All heavy atoms as atom14 arrays in JSON, in Angstrom:
{
  "sequence": "NKCFLFGLLVLVALVTGCPKNHYIVELTPRENAVERKLIFYREN",
  "atom14_mask": [
    [1, 1, 1, 1, 1, 1, 1, 1, 0, 0, 0, 0, 0, 0],
    [1, 1, 1, 1, 1, 1, 1, 1, 1, 0, 0, 0, 0, 0],
    [1, 1, 1, 1, 1, 1, 0, 0, 0, 0, 0, 0, 0, 0],
    [1, 1, 1, 1, 1, 1, 1, 1, 1, 1, 1, 0, 0, 0],
    [1, 1, 1, 1, 1, 1, 1, 1, 0, 0, 0, 0, 0, 0],
    [1, 1, 1, 1, 1, 1, 1, 1, 1, 1, 1, 0, 0, 0],
    [1, 1, 1, 1, 0, 0, 0, 0, 0, 0, 0, 0, 0, 0],
    [1, 1, 1, 1, 1, 1, 1, 1, 0, 0, 0, 0, 0, 0],
    [1, 1, 1, 1, 1, 1, 1, 1, 0, 0, 0, 0, 0, 0],
    [1, 1, 1, 1, 1, 1, 1, 0, 0, 0, 0, 0, 0, 0],
    [1, 1, 1, 1, 1, 1, 1, 1, 0, 0, 0, 0, 0, 0],
    [1, 1, 1, 1, 1, 1, 1, 0, 0, 0, 0, 0, 0, 0],
    [1, 1, 1, 1, 1, 0, 0, 0, 0, 0, 0, 0, 0, 0],
    [1, 1, 1, 1, 1, 1, 1, 1, 0, 0, 0, 0, 0, 0],
    [1, 1, 1, 1, 1, 1, 1, 0, 0, 0, 0, 0, 0, 0],
    [1, 1, 1, 1, 1, 1, 1, 0, 0, 0, 0, 0, 0, 0],
    [1, 1, 1, 1, 0, 0, 0, 0, 0, 0, 0, 0, 0, 0],
    [1, 1, 1, 1, 1, 1, 0, 0, 0, 0, 0, 0, 0, 0],
    [1, 1, 1, 1, 1, 1, 1, 0, 0, 0, 0, 0, 0, 0],
    [1, 1, 1, 1, 1, 1, 1, 1, 1, 0, 0, 0, 0, 0],
    [1, 1, 1, 1, 1, 1, 1, 1, 0, 0, 0, 0, 0, 0],
    [1, 1, 1, 1, 1, 1, 1, 1, 1, 1, 0, 0, 0, 0],
    [1, 1, 1, 1, 1, 1, 1, 1, 1, 1, 1, 1, 0, 0],
    [1, 1, 1, 1, 1, 1, 1, 1, 0, 0, 0, 0, 0, 0],
    [1, 1, 1, 1, 1, 1, 1, 0, 0, 0, 0, 0, 0, 0],
    [1, 1, 1, 1, 1, 1, 1, 1, 1, 0, 0, 0, 0, 0],
    [1, 1, 1, 1, 1, 1, 1, 1, 0, 0, 0, 0, 0, 0],
    [1, 1, 1, 1, 1, 1, 1, 0, 0, 0, 0, 0, 0, 0],
    [1, 1, 1, 1, 1, 1, 1, 0, 0, 0, 0, 0, 0, 0],
    [1, 1, 1, 1, 1, 1, 1, 1, 1, 1, 1, 0, 0, 0],
    [1, 1, 1, 1, 1, 1, 1, 1, 1, 0, 0, 0, 0, 0],
    [1, 1, 1, 1, 1, 1, 1, 1, 0, 0, 0, 0, 0, 0],
    [1, 1, 1, 1, 1, 0, 0, 0, 0, 0, 0, 0, 0, 0],
    [1, 1, 1, 1, 1, 1, 1, 0, 0, 0, 0, 0, 0, 0],
    [1, 1, 1, 1, 1, 1, 1, 1, 1, 0, 0, 0, 0, 0],
    [1, 1, 1, 1, 1, 1, 1, 1, 1, 1, 1, 0, 0, 0],
    [1, 1, 1, 1, 1, 1, 1, 1, 1, 0, 0, 0, 0, 0],
    [1, 1, 1, 1, 1, 1, 1, 1, 0, 0, 0, 0, 0, 0],
    [1, 1, 1, 1, 1, 1, 1, 1, 0, 0, 0, 0, 0, 0],
    [1, 1, 1, 1, 1, 1, 1, 1, 1, 1, 1, 0, 0, 0],
    [1, 1, 1, 1, 1, 1, 1, 1, 1, 1, 1, 1, 0, 0],
    [1, 1, 1, 1, 1, 1, 1, 1, 1, 1, 1, 0, 0, 0],
    [1, 1, 1, 1, 1, 1, 1, 1, 1, 0, 0, 0, 0, 0],
    [1, 1, 1, 1, 1, 1, 1, 1, 0, 0, 0, 0, 0, 0]
  ],
  "atom14_positions": [
    [[48.29, -7.0, 113.22], [47.07, -6.67, 113.93], [45.88, -6.76, 113.02], [45.89, -6.3, 111.88], [47.25, -5.21, 114.43], [46.07, -4.75, 115.26], [44.97, -5.24, 115.11], [46.35, -3.8, 116.12], [0.0, 0.0, 0.0], [0.0, 0.0, 0.0], [0.0, 0.0, 0.0], [0.0, 0.0, 0.0], [0.0, 0.0, 0.0], [0.0, 0.0, 0.0]],
    [[44.77, -7.39, 113.46], [43.57, -7.59, 112.66], [42.93, -6.28, 112.26], [42.45, -6.11, 111.17], [42.56, -8.46, 113.39], [42.99, -9.91, 113.48], [41.88, -10.71, 114.2], [42.38, -12.14, 114.35], [41.38, -12.98, 114.97], [0.0, 0.0, 0.0], [0.0, 0.0, 0.0], [0.0, 0.0, 0.0], [0.0, 0.0, 0.0], [0.0, 0.0, 0.0]],
    [[42.96, -5.28, 113.17], [42.41, -3.97, 112.84], [43.18, -3.3, 111.72], [42.62, -2.65, 110.84], [42.4, -3.05, 114.08], [41.17, -3.59, 115.3], [0.0, 0.0, 0.0], [0.0, 0.0, 0.0], [0.0, 0.0, 0.0], [0.0, 0.0, 0.0], [0.0, 0.0, 0.0], [0.0, 0.0, 0.0], [0.0, 0.0, 0.0], [0.0, 0.0, 0.0]],
    [[44.52, -3.46, 111.76], [45.36, -2.88, 110.72], [45.03, -3.5, 109.37], [44.89, -2.81, 108.37], [46.83, -3.07, 111.07], [47.76, -2.63, 109.97], [47.99, -1.27, 109.77], [48.37, -3.54, 109.12], [48.86, -0.84, 108.76], [49.2, -3.13, 108.11], [49.46, -1.76, 107.94], [0.0, 0.0, 0.0], [0.0, 0.0, 0.0], [0.0, 0.0, 0.0]],
    [[44.92, -4.84, 109.32], [44.57, -5.53, 108.07], [43.2, -5.09, 107.55], [43.03, -4.85, 106.36], [44.59, -7.05, 108.26], [45.97, -7.69, 108.41], [45.83, -9.16, 108.7], [46.77, -7.45, 107.14], [0.0, 0.0, 0.0], [0.0, 0.0, 0.0], [0.0, 0.0, 0.0], [0.0, 0.0, 0.0], [0.0, 0.0, 0.0], [0.0, 0.0, 0.0]],
    [[42.22, -5.0, 108.42], [40.9, -4.53, 108.01], [40.95, -3.13, 107.47], [40.35, -2.81, 106.43], [39.9, -4.61, 109.21], [38.54, -4.13, 108.87], [37.7, -4.93, 108.08], [38.08, -2.89, 109.26], [36.42, -4.48, 107.72], [36.81, -2.44, 108.91], [35.99, -3.26, 108.15], [0.0, 0.0, 0.0], [0.0, 0.0, 0.0], [0.0, 0.0, 0.0]],
    [[41.68, -2.25, 108.14], [41.83, -0.85, 107.64], [42.5, -0.81, 106.3], [42.1, -0.01, 105.45], [0.0, 0.0, 0.0], [0.0, 0.0, 0.0], [0.0, 0.0, 0.0], [0.0, 0.0, 0.0], [0.0, 0.0, 0.0], [0.0, 0.0, 0.0], [0.0, 0.0, 0.0], [0.0, 0.0, 0.0], [0.0, 0.0, 0.0], [0.0, 0.0, 0.0]],
    [[43.47, -1.66, 106.12], [44.18, -1.73, 104.82], [43.24, -2.18, 103.71], [43.26, -1.61, 102.61], [45.41, -2.6, 104.95], [46.33, -2.68, 103.77], [46.91, -1.31, 103.47], [47.46, -3.65, 104.03], [0.0, 0.0, 0.0], [0.0, 0.0, 0.0], [0.0, 0.0, 0.0], [0.0, 0.0, 0.0], [0.0, 0.0, 0.0], [0.0, 0.0, 0.0]],
    [[42.43, -3.15, 103.99], [41.48, -3.67, 103.01], [40.45, -2.59, 102.63], [40.08, -2.4, 101.48], [40.77, -4.91, 103.52], [41.6, -6.18, 103.54], [40.83, -7.29, 104.25], [42.02, -6.59, 102.19], [0.0, 0.0, 0.0], [0.0, 0.0, 0.0], [0.0, 0.0, 0.0], [0.0, 0.0, 0.0], [0.0, 0.0, 0.0], [0.0, 0.0, 0.0]],
    [[39.97, -1.86, 103.66], [39.0, -0.77, 103.39], [39.67, 0.31, 102.54], [39.06, 0.8, 101.56], [38.45, -0.18, 104.7], [37.7, 1.1, 104.48], [37.6, -1.19, 105.42], [0.0, 0.0, 0.0], [0.0, 0.0, 0.0], [0.0, 0.0, 0.0], [0.0, 0.0, 0.0], [0.0, 0.0, 0.0], [0.0, 0.0, 0.0], [0.0, 0.0, 0.0]],
    [[40.87, 0.66, 102.83], [41.61, 1.67, 102.04], [41.81, 1.22, 100.61], [41.54, 2.0, 99.66], [42.97, 1.98, 102.69], [43.84, 3.01, 102.0], [43.12, 4.35, 101.98], [45.19, 3.12, 102.66], [0.0, 0.0, 0.0], [0.0, 0.0, 0.0], [0.0, 0.0, 0.0], [0.0, 0.0, 0.0], [0.0, 0.0, 0.0], [0.0, 0.0, 0.0]],
    [[42.18, -0.02, 100.4], [42.34, -0.54, 99.03], [41.02, -0.5, 98.32], [40.95, -0.1, 97.11], [42.86, -1.99, 99.09], [42.8, -2.67, 97.69], [44.31, -1.98, 99.55], [0.0, 0.0, 0.0], [0.0, 0.0, 0.0], [0.0, 0.0, 0.0], [0.0, 0.0, 0.0], [0.0, 0.0, 0.0], [0.0, 0.0, 0.0], [0.0, 0.0, 0.0]],
    [[39.89, -0.86, 98.93], [38.6, -0.81, 98.28], [38.21, 0.59, 97.93], [37.62, 0.84, 96.84], [37.52, -1.42, 99.22], [0.0, 0.0, 0.0], [0.0, 0.0, 0.0], [0.0, 0.0, 0.0], [0.0, 0.0, 0.0], [0.0, 0.0, 0.0], [0.0, 0.0, 0.0], [0.0, 0.0, 0.0], [0.0, 0.0, 0.0], [0.0, 0.0, 0.0]],
    [[38.52, 1.58, 98.76], [38.19, 2.97, 98.45], [39.01, 3.51, 97.32], [38.51, 4.29, 96.49], [38.35, 3.84, 99.67], [37.36, 3.61, 100.79], [37.75, 4.43, 102.03], [35.97, 3.99, 100.35], [0.0, 0.0, 0.0], [0.0, 0.0, 0.0], [0.0, 0.0, 0.0], [0.0, 0.0, 0.0], [0.0, 0.0, 0.0], [0.0, 0.0, 0.0]],
    [[40.29, 3.1, 97.22], [41.16, 3.64, 96.18], [40.87, 3.0, 94.85], [40.85, 3.66, 93.84], [42.64, 3.44, 96.58], [43.57, 3.81, 95.46], [42.97, 4.28, 97.82], [0.0, 0.0, 0.0], [0.0, 0.0, 0.0], [0.0, 0.0, 0.0], [0.0, 0.0, 0.0], [0.0, 0.0, 0.0], [0.0, 0.0, 0.0], [0.0, 0.0, 0.0]],
    [[40.67, 1.67, 94.85], [40.46, 0.97, 93.57], [39.04, 1.03, 93.08], [38.82, 1.02, 91.91], [40.87, -0.53, 93.72], [40.08, -1.12, 94.71], [42.34, -0.67, 94.01], [0.0, 0.0, 0.0], [0.0, 0.0, 0.0], [0.0, 0.0, 0.0], [0.0, 0.0, 0.0], [0.0, 0.0, 0.0], [0.0, 0.0, 0.0], [0.0, 0.0, 0.0]],
    [[38.09, 1.18, 93.93], [36.7, 1.25, 93.54], [36.17, -0.1, 93.09], [36.89, -1.08, 93.08], [0.0, 0.0, 0.0], [0.0, 0.0, 0.0], [0.0, 0.0, 0.0], [0.0, 0.0, 0.0], [0.0, 0.0, 0.0], [0.0, 0.0, 0.0], [0.0, 0.0, 0.0], [0.0, 0.0, 0.0], [0.0, 0.0, 0.0], [0.0, 0.0, 0.0]],
    [[34.92, -0.14, 92.73], [34.27, -1.38, 92.32], [33.87, -1.21, 90.86], [33.31, -0.2, 90.45], [33.04, -1.65, 93.16], [33.37, -1.9, 94.92], [0.0, 0.0, 0.0], [0.0, 0.0, 0.0], [0.0, 0.0, 0.0], [0.0, 0.0, 0.0], [0.0, 0.0, 0.0], [0.0, 0.0, 0.0], [0.0, 0.0, 0.0], [0.0, 0.0, 0.0]],
    [[34.09, -2.28, 90.07], [33.69, -2.24, 88.65], [32.17, -2.09, 88.57], [31.44, -2.65, 89.4], [34.12, -3.56, 88.09], [35.08, -4.1, 89.07], [34.77, -3.52, 90.38], [0.0, 0.0, 0.0], [0.0, 0.0, 0.0], [0.0, 0.0, 0.0], [0.0, 0.0, 0.0], [0.0, 0.0, 0.0], [0.0, 0.0, 0.0], [0.0, 0.0, 0.0]],
    [[31.71, -1.34, 87.56], [30.27, -1.24, 87.37], [29.97, -1.05, 85.88], [30.74, -0.46, 85.16], [29.69, -0.06, 88.21], [30.31, 1.27, 87.95], [29.77, 2.3, 88.92], [30.69, 3.53, 88.82], [30.43, 4.47, 89.84], [0.0, 0.0, 0.0], [0.0, 0.0, 0.0], [0.0, 0.0, 0.0], [0.0, 0.0, 0.0], [0.0, 0.0, 0.0]],
    [[28.8, -1.56, 85.5], [28.35, -1.42, 84.12], [27.6, -0.15, 83.93], [26.89, 0.31, 84.86], [27.45, -2.6, 83.77], [28.17, -3.92, 83.73], [29.39, -4.01, 83.78], [27.41, -5.0, 83.72], [0.0, 0.0, 0.0], [0.0, 0.0, 0.0], [0.0, 0.0, 0.0], [0.0, 0.0, 0.0], [0.0, 0.0, 0.0], [0.0, 0.0, 0.0]],
    [[27.74, 0.48, 82.8], [27.01, 1.67, 82.48], [26.15, 1.42, 81.2], [26.64, 0.77, 80.25], [27.98, 2.87, 82.16], [28.69, 3.29, 83.37], [28.26, 4.33, 84.17], [29.8, 2.87, 83.93], [29.05, 4.53, 85.14], [30.07, 3.63, 85.06], [0.0, 0.0, 0.0], [0.0, 0.0, 0.0], [0.0, 0.0, 0.0], [0.0, 0.0, 0.0]],
    [[24.96, 1.89, 81.22], [24.05, 1.74, 80.06], [23.4, 3.04, 79.7], [22.96, 3.78, 80.58], [22.9, 0.74, 80.44], [23.39, -0.61, 80.89], [23.51, -0.86, 82.27], [23.71, -1.61, 80.02], [23.96, -2.12, 82.73], [24.17, -2.84, 80.46], [24.26, -3.08, 81.82], [24.68, -4.31, 82.24], [0.0, 0.0, 0.0], [0.0, 0.0, 0.0]],
    [[23.38, 3.36, 78.42], [22.74, 4.56, 77.89], [21.75, 4.05, 76.81], [22.14, 3.34, 75.88], [23.77, 5.52, 77.27], [24.81, 5.9, 78.3], [23.03, 6.73, 76.7], [26.04, 6.55, 77.7], [0.0, 0.0, 0.0], [0.0, 0.0, 0.0], [0.0, 0.0, 0.0], [0.0, 0.0, 0.0], [0.0, 0.0, 0.0], [0.0, 0.0, 0.0]],
    [[20.48, 4.4, 76.99], [19.45, 3.98, 76.0], [18.96, 5.23, 75.31], [18.55, 6.21, 75.94], [18.26, 3.28, 76.72], [17.19, 2.92, 75.72], [18.77, 2.04, 77.45], [0.0, 0.0, 0.0], [0.0, 0.0, 0.0], [0.0, 0.0, 0.0], [0.0, 0.0, 0.0], [0.0, 0.0, 0.0], [0.0, 0.0, 0.0], [0.0, 0.0, 0.0]],
    [[19.04, 5.19, 73.97], [18.49, 6.26, 73.12], [17.35, 5.73, 72.3], [17.48, 4.7, 71.63], [19.59, 6.84, 72.21], [20.76, 7.45, 72.97], [21.86, 7.92, 72.02], [21.72, 7.76, 70.79], [22.84, 8.43, 72.54], [0.0, 0.0, 0.0], [0.0, 0.0, 0.0], [0.0, 0.0, 0.0], [0.0, 0.0, 0.0], [0.0, 0.0, 0.0]],
    [[16.17, 6.39, 72.35], [15.0, 5.98, 71.59], [14.67, 7.05, 70.56], [14.58, 8.24, 70.91], [13.82, 5.73, 72.51], [14.0, 4.75, 73.61], [12.76, 4.73, 74.52], [14.21, 3.36, 73.0], [0.0, 0.0, 0.0], [0.0, 0.0, 0.0], [0.0, 0.0, 0.0], [0.0, 0.0, 0.0], [0.0, 0.0, 0.0], [0.0, 0.0, 0.0]],
    [[14.54, 6.64, 69.31], [14.23, 7.56, 68.22], [12.97, 7.04, 67.51], [13.0, 5.96, 66.9], [15.38, 7.67, 67.2], [16.57, 8.0, 67.92], [15.09, 8.7, 66.16], [0.0, 0.0, 0.0], [0.0, 0.0, 0.0], [0.0, 0.0, 0.0], [0.0, 0.0, 0.0], [0.0, 0.0, 0.0], [0.0, 0.0, 0.0], [0.0, 0.0, 0.0]],
    [[11.84, 7.76, 67.59], [10.64, 7.32, 66.9], [10.83, 7.29, 65.38], [11.41, 8.2, 64.81], [9.57, 8.37, 67.27], [10.17, 9.12, 68.43], [11.65, 9.03, 68.29], [0.0, 0.0, 0.0], [0.0, 0.0, 0.0], [0.0, 0.0, 0.0], [0.0, 0.0, 0.0], [0.0, 0.0, 0.0], [0.0, 0.0, 0.0], [0.0, 0.0, 0.0]],
    [[10.31, 6.25, 64.79], [10.22, 6.11, 63.34], [8.76, 6.02, 62.99], [7.9, 6.12, 63.85], [11.01, 4.87, 62.89], [12.49, 4.88, 63.26], [13.28, 5.83, 62.44], [14.69, 5.77, 62.79], [15.47, 6.8, 62.9], [14.99, 8.0, 62.66], [16.74, 6.71, 63.23], [0.0, 0.0, 0.0], [0.0, 0.0, 0.0], [0.0, 0.0, 0.0]],
    [[8.41, 5.76, 61.75], [6.97, 5.73, 61.35], [6.16, 4.77, 62.25], [5.28, 5.23, 62.98], [6.81, 5.34, 59.93], [7.13, 6.47, 58.99], [6.8, 6.16, 57.54], [5.86, 5.36, 57.3], [7.49, 6.68, 56.68], [0.0, 0.0, 0.0], [0.0, 0.0, 0.0], [0.0, 0.0, 0.0], [0.0, 0.0, 0.0], [0.0, 0.0, 0.0]],
    [[6.37, 3.47, 62.16], [5.61, 2.55, 62.91], [6.44, 1.72, 63.94], [6.07, 0.66, 64.37], [4.93, 1.53, 61.95], [3.91, 2.24, 61.1], [3.2, 3.12, 61.53], [3.85, 1.8, 59.85], [0.0, 0.0, 0.0], [0.0, 0.0, 0.0], [0.0, 0.0, 0.0], [0.0, 0.0, 0.0], [0.0, 0.0, 0.0], [0.0, 0.0, 0.0]],
    [[7.6, 2.27, 64.24], [8.51, 1.61, 65.16], [9.35, 2.63, 65.89], [9.19, 3.81, 65.7], [9.42, 0.65, 64.39], [0.0, 0.0, 0.0], [0.0, 0.0, 0.0], [0.0, 0.0, 0.0], [0.0, 0.0, 0.0], [0.0, 0.0, 0.0], [0.0, 0.0, 0.0], [0.0, 0.0, 0.0], [0.0, 0.0, 0.0], [0.0, 0.0, 0.0]],
    [[10.22, 2.13, 66.72], [11.17, 3.04, 67.43], [12.54, 2.39, 67.27], [12.71, 1.17, 67.34], [10.8, 3.21, 68.91], [10.87, 1.94, 69.67], [11.61, 4.29, 69.55], [0.0, 0.0, 0.0], [0.0, 0.0, 0.0], [0.0, 0.0, 0.0], [0.0, 0.0, 0.0], [0.0, 0.0, 0.0], [0.0, 0.0, 0.0], [0.0, 0.0, 0.0]],
    [[13.53, 3.26, 66.96], [14.89, 2.77, 66.92], [15.43, 2.85, 68.32], [15.33, 3.86, 68.99], [15.77, 3.63, 66.01], [17.2, 3.18, 65.96], [18.08, 4.1, 65.2], [18.47, 5.15, 65.75], [18.34, 3.79, 64.02], [0.0, 0.0, 0.0], [0.0, 0.0, 0.0], [0.0, 0.0, 0.0], [0.0, 0.0, 0.0], [0.0, 0.0, 0.0]],
    [[15.99, 1.75, 68.79], [16.5, 1.62, 70.14], [18.03, 1.39, 70.03], [18.48, 0.49, 69.42], [15.91, 0.48, 70.89], [16.29, 0.4, 72.36], [15.4, -0.64, 73.0], [15.39, -0.56, 74.44], [16.31, -1.13, 75.24], [17.3, -1.8, 74.72], [16.23, -0.98, 76.51], [0.0, 0.0, 0.0], [0.0, 0.0, 0.0], [0.0, 0.0, 0.0]],
    [[18.77, 2.34, 70.62], [20.22, 2.27, 70.6], [20.71, 2.12, 72.04], [20.42, 2.99, 72.88], [20.86, 3.53, 69.95], [22.3, 3.52, 69.84], [22.75, 4.84, 69.11], [24.19, 4.88, 68.83], [24.57, 6.11, 68.15], [0.0, 0.0, 0.0], [0.0, 0.0, 0.0], [0.0, 0.0, 0.0], [0.0, 0.0, 0.0], [0.0, 0.0, 0.0]],
    [[21.39, 1.05, 72.33], [21.89, 0.78, 73.64], [23.41, 0.89, 73.61], [24.07, 0.16, 72.88], [21.49, -0.59, 74.12], [22.11, -1.09, 75.43], [21.59, -0.21, 76.61], [21.76, -2.53, 75.68], [0.0, 0.0, 0.0], [0.0, 0.0, 0.0], [0.0, 0.0, 0.0], [0.0, 0.0, 0.0], [0.0, 0.0, 0.0], [0.0, 0.0, 0.0]],
    [[23.96, 1.81, 74.36], [25.41, 1.99, 74.5], [25.77, 1.47, 75.88], [25.17, 1.91, 76.86], [25.8, 3.48, 74.33], [25.28, 4.03, 72.99], [27.33, 3.64, 74.5], [25.32, 5.55, 72.88], [0.0, 0.0, 0.0], [0.0, 0.0, 0.0], [0.0, 0.0, 0.0], [0.0, 0.0, 0.0], [0.0, 0.0, 0.0], [0.0, 0.0, 0.0]],
    [[26.72, 0.57, 75.91], [27.07, 0.0, 77.22], [28.55, -0.31, 77.32], [29.21, -0.57, 76.33], [26.25, -1.24, 77.51], [26.31, -2.35, 76.53], [27.09, -3.48, 76.77], [25.62, -2.29, 75.31], [27.14, -4.52, 75.88], [25.7, -3.29, 74.39], [26.46, -4.44, 74.65], [0.0, 0.0, 0.0], [0.0, 0.0, 0.0], [0.0, 0.0, 0.0]],
    [[29.06, -0.15, 78.56], [30.48, -0.4, 78.82], [30.68, -0.72, 80.31], [29.73, -0.54, 81.12], [31.33, 0.78, 78.39], [30.97, 2.08, 79.03], [31.65, 2.54, 80.2], [29.98, 2.91, 78.52], [31.32, 3.73, 80.83], [29.67, 4.1, 79.13], [30.34, 4.52, 80.27], [29.99, 5.74, 80.86], [0.0, 0.0, 0.0], [0.0, 0.0, 0.0]],
    [[31.85, -1.14, 80.67], [32.18, -1.42, 82.07], [33.35, -0.52, 82.51], [34.32, -0.41, 81.77], [32.53, -2.9, 82.24], [32.74, -3.3, 83.7], [32.81, -4.81, 83.78], [32.95, -5.31, 85.12], [31.99, -5.59, 85.96], [30.75, -5.36, 85.6], [32.22, -6.05, 87.17], [0.0, 0.0, 0.0], [0.0, 0.0, 0.0], [0.0, 0.0, 0.0]],
    [[33.15, 0.12, 83.6], [34.15, 1.0, 84.17], [34.72, 0.37, 85.43], [33.96, -0.22, 86.19], [33.52, 2.35, 84.45], [34.5, 3.43, 84.82], [33.75, 4.77, 85.05], [32.67, 4.97, 84.44], [34.29, 5.6, 85.81], [0.0, 0.0, 0.0], [0.0, 0.0, 0.0], [0.0, 0.0, 0.0], [0.0, 0.0, 0.0], [0.0, 0.0, 0.0]],
    [[36.01, 0.49, 85.66], [36.6, -0.19, 86.82], [36.36, 0.52, 88.15], [36.69, 0.01, 89.2], [38.08, -0.53, 86.62], [38.99, 0.65, 86.76], [38.58, 1.77, 87.06], [40.25, 0.44, 86.51], [0.0, 0.0, 0.0], [0.0, 0.0, 0.0], [0.0, 0.0, 0.0], [0.0, 0.0, 0.0], [0.0, 0.0, 0.0], [0.0, 0.0, 0.0]]
  ]
}
């Protein structure tokens, strides 16, 4: 049944989730500049 297949696909998408990138930016002032630290990763 097409409805059953669609429902199964929706259930799989909800359980597995979608991969997404995460970014954390830290700024630390220095004398005439700023230190920029970028922490990044991908979560499934």
